[in-house]
Amino acid sequence: MRKSAKLILTIFIVTILFSNITFAINIPLRVVVNGEELYFPDEKPFIDANGRTQTPARFIGEALGATVTWDGNAKKAVFKMSGTTLELLIGKREYQLNGQKKQMDTEALLINGRTFVPARYVAEAFGATVRWKDEIKTVYIDTNKTGKVEVEGDTREVAGFIVPKGIDLMVAGADEDYSYEATFTISFLRKNVEKQKDDMEKILLQRLSEETVKEIMSLVRSKVKDTDVIEARYFYDEKTGQYLHLAKSWPMRGSTISLYIYKKGFKPF
């Protein structure tokens, strides 16, 4: 009887220990950019064998304000923003930043047809700072070194726009070195695209003239499906004296609509 009792107790203890280990491993990994947690509808970020946080390429790139394309022949993800180009090849530790070869301690991966890239290398390539908080399994990425993004209560300030926290529309500020001061990005991979459009219109009206916003939104709302195309176009807002650029939206799964607001006095052409 004593042996049976000891055996049962041992099994019970081992079960508890393994349950705790499983719970610890399964804590959801979070990625927060400029105070907003990124939403991943299908494939989730994870820690790879080299201890790096891997995230779906398009999500991390667009959250930073970059355009993301996939070169199927070369098997590489290409990120572009404000004259900076980052190229990551699947399964390779060598990558290119503005044509210069560099080395990282992990590699981009292709899993279930989705490209995963190391968040730190992508973020730092575009001048962002990255922090990791192990106890809550969260990566914090901050693109705003100059204090243009300030969180207060349920809103944050980005280049003079008051942006509600928790919305799916992505609004990001830029560093002093960039020619633009803010980007607005609507993603067809995120929740409720029409709600993102509504939020974009409301926020733009805080600073821009109604005429300019109406022109912009007529094009933005013309893209109903991710396979629809919006051609690139520039706008000039008389009220603020600023140029804006609506980037071309390509016909592809998970495509985006991106609007760049240039700094006052800068003429993009």
Foldseek 3Di string as FASTA:
>chain_A
DVVVVVVVVVVVVVVVVVVVVVVLQPQAAWEAELRATFDAPPDGWDQDPQRFIKDFVCRLLVLLVWHWDADPVQQWIWTDDQQWIWIFHAPDQWIDINRDIDGDPGGWHQDPNTIIDGNVVSLVSQPWDWDADSVNNYIYIYQDPPPQWADDDQWIGFPNFTGGHPDNWRKHAHDPVGQFGIKTKQKPSDPDSVVSLVRVLVRCVVQFDPVQSVVVSVQVVVCPDLQDWRDKDKDATPRQQWIKIFHIWHRDPGTMTMMTIGDHPDDPD
